[in-house]
Amino acid sequence: MDTKLTLKLNQEIIEKAKKYASDQKLSLSRIVENYLQSLTSDKRNDDIEISPFVKSLATGVSIPSDLNYKKEYSDYLMEKYK
């Protein structure tokens, strides 16, 4: 059930928000509703679903936190072009 809500906001912000909503092809009400939903959602930020494509990229290889990738890459290039 939809219910009407009245808000008092700065006119400049309203105009910018209307332009943004128009550019996104959404209503301003829908944007506000989505924002409020995200604020009050039971989901935590770390519960974001990972897409199947991103999951398919996972190799299971762990990278050491102290890895010097510049040195590793330099060593790789030196070996490659011997």
C-alpha atoms as a PDB file:
ATOM      1  CA  MET A   1       0.000   0.000   0.000  1.00  0.00           C
ATOM      2  CA  ASP A   2       1.427   3.362  -1.002  1.00  0.00           C
ATOM      3  CA  THR A   3       1.102   6.299   1.367  1.00  0.00           C
ATOM      4  CA  LYS A   4       1.733   9.944   0.657  1.00  0.00           C
ATOM      5  CA  LEU A   5       4.692  11.627   2.383  1.00  0.00           C
ATOM      6  CA  THR A   6       5.414  15.348   2.517  1.00  0.00           C
ATOM      7  CA  LEU A   7       8.999  16.529   2.894  1.00  0.00           C
ATOM      8  CA  LYS A   8      10.540  19.979   3.262  1.00  0.00           C
ATOM      9  CA  LEU A   9      13.786  20.188   1.300  1.00  0.00           C
ATOM     10  CA  ASN A  10      16.031  22.843  -0.165  1.00  0.00           C
ATOM     11  CA  GLN A  11      14.639  23.924  -3.570  1.00  0.00           C
ATOM     12  CA  GLU A  12      18.030  23.563  -5.288  1.00  0.00           C
ATOM     13  CA  ILE A  13      18.352  19.983  -4.069  1.00  0.00           C
ATOM     14  CA  ILE A  14      14.842  19.190  -5.249  1.00  0.00           C
ATOM     15  CA  GLU A  15      15.625  20.490  -8.741  1.00  0.00           C
ATOM     16  CA  LYS A  16      18.865  18.492  -8.924  1.00  0.00           C
ATOM     17  CA  ALA A  17      17.080  15.384  -7.674  1.00  0.00           C
ATOM     18  CA  LYS A  18      14.324  15.808 -10.274  1.00  0.00           C
ATOM     19  CA  LYS A  19      16.936  16.114 -13.032  1.00  0.00           C
ATOM     20  CA  TYR A  20      18.735  13.020 -11.744  1.00  0.00           C
ATOM     21  CA  ALA A  21      15.453  11.076 -11.578  1.00  0.00           C
ATOM     22  CA  SER A  22      14.594  12.119 -15.127  1.00  0.00           C
ATOM     23  CA  ASP A  23      18.031  11.090 -16.387  1.00  0.00           C
ATOM     24  CA  GLN A  24      17.628   7.700 -14.686  1.00  0.00           C
ATOM     25  CA  LYS A  25      14.072   7.323 -16.054  1.00  0.00           C
ATOM     26  CA  LEU A  26      12.772   6.884 -12.508  1.00  0.00           C
ATOM     27  CA  SER A  27      10.358   8.845 -10.392  1.00  0.00           C
ATOM     28  CA  LEU A  28      11.710  10.884  -7.518  1.00  0.00           C
ATOM     29  CA  SER A  29       9.358   8.974  -5.228  1.00  0.00           C
ATOM     30  CA  ARG A  30      10.876   5.663  -6.361  1.00  0.00           C
ATOM     31  CA  ILE A  31      14.407   6.940  -5.715  1.00  0.00           C
ATOM     32  CA  VAL A  32      13.494   8.132  -2.213  1.00  0.00           C
ATOM     33  CA  GLU A  33      11.694   4.845  -1.539  1.00  0.00           C
ATOM     34  CA  ASN A  34      14.730   2.815  -2.674  1.00  0.00           C
ATOM     35  CA  TYR A  35      17.043   4.947  -0.542  1.00  0.00           C
ATOM     36  CA  LEU A  36      14.893   4.556   2.552  1.00  0.00           C
ATOM     37  CA  GLN A  37      14.623   0.832   1.868  1.00  0.00           C
ATOM     38  CA  SER A  38      18.417   0.552   1.717  1.00  0.00           C
ATOM     39  CA  LEU A  39      18.710   2.393   5.034  1.00  0.00           C
ATOM     40  CA  THR A  40      16.203   0.191   6.806  1.00  0.00           C
ATOM     41  CA  SER A  41      17.054  -3.125   5.149  1.00  0.00           C
ATOM     42  CA  ASP A  42      17.977  -6.046   7.363  1.00  0.00           C
ATOM     43  CA  LYS A  43      20.756  -6.967   4.933  1.00  0.00           C
ATOM     44  CA  ARG A  44      24.217  -5.893   5.955  1.00  0.00           C
ATOM     45  CA  ASN A  45      26.695  -4.514   3.385  1.00  0.00           C
ATOM     46  CA  ASP A  46      28.763  -7.695   3.524  1.00  0.00           C
ATOM     47  CA  ASP A  47      25.681  -9.714   2.511  1.00  0.00           C
ATOM     48  CA  ILE A  48      25.834  -8.363  -1.043  1.00  0.00           C
ATOM     49  CA  GLU A  49      25.230 -11.142  -3.526  1.00  0.00           C
ATOM     50  CA  ILE A  50      28.144 -11.906  -5.825  1.00  0.00           C
ATOM     51  CA  SER A  51      27.172 -12.455  -9.456  1.00  0.00           C
ATOM     52  CA  PRO A  52      27.803 -15.863 -11.043  1.00  0.00           C
ATOM     53  CA  PHE A  53      30.273 -14.262 -13.483  1.00  0.00           C
ATOM     54  CA  VAL A  54      32.406 -12.876 -10.650  1.00  0.00           C
ATOM     55  CA  LYS A  55      32.210 -16.214  -8.836  1.00  0.00           C
ATOM     56  CA  SER A  56      33.452 -17.931 -11.992  1.00  0.00           C
ATOM     57  CA  LEU A  57      36.591 -15.780 -11.889  1.00  0.00           C
ATOM     58  CA  ALA A  58      37.576 -17.048  -8.453  1.00  0.00           C
ATOM     59  CA  THR A  59      40.614 -19.331  -8.595  1.00  0.00           C
ATOM     60  CA  GLY A  60      40.935 -20.268  -4.955  1.00  0.00           C
ATOM     61  CA  VAL A  61      44.530 -19.009  -4.885  1.00  0.00           C
ATOM     62  CA  SER A  62      45.353 -16.899  -1.853  1.00  0.00           C
ATOM     63  CA  ILE A  63      47.746 -14.001  -2.338  1.00  0.00           C
ATOM     64  CA  PRO A  64      50.141 -13.181   0.505  1.00  0.00           C
ATOM     65  CA  SER A  65      49.518  -9.748   2.026  1.00  0.00           C
ATOM     66  CA  ASP A  66      53.209  -8.856   1.804  1.00  0.00           C
ATOM     67  CA  LEU A  67      53.524  -9.726  -1.908  1.00  0.00           C
ATOM     68  CA  ASN A  68      55.682  -7.252  -3.831  1.00  0.00           C
ATOM     69  CA  TYR A  69      53.803  -7.412  -7.121  1.00  0.00           C
ATOM     70  CA  LYS A  70      56.120  -4.919  -8.838  1.00  0.00           C
ATOM     71  CA  LYS A  71      59.153  -7.101  -8.117  1.00  0.00           C
ATOM     72  CA  GLU A  72      57.280 -10.245  -9.152  1.00  0.00           C
ATOM     73  CA  TYR A  73      56.228  -8.645 -12.424  1.00  0.00           C
ATOM     74  CA  SER A  74      59.751  -7.341 -13.042  1.00  0.00           C
ATOM     75  CA  ASP A  75      61.171 -10.814 -12.416  1.00  0.00           C
ATOM     76  CA  TYR A  76      58.599 -12.284 -14.787  1.00  0.00           C
ATOM     77  CA  LEU A  77      59.532  -9.829 -17.554  1.00  0.00           C
ATOM     78  CA  MET A  78      63.273 -10.425 -17.031  1.00  0.00           C
ATOM     79  CA  GLU A  79      62.733 -14.171 -17.373  1.00  0.00           C
ATOM     80  CA  LYS A  80      60.434 -13.764 -20.367  1.00  0.00           C
ATOM     81  CA  TYR A  81      62.837 -11.616 -22.375  1.00  0.00           C
ATOM     82  CA  LYS A  82      66.112 -13.462 -21.631  1.00  0.00           C
END
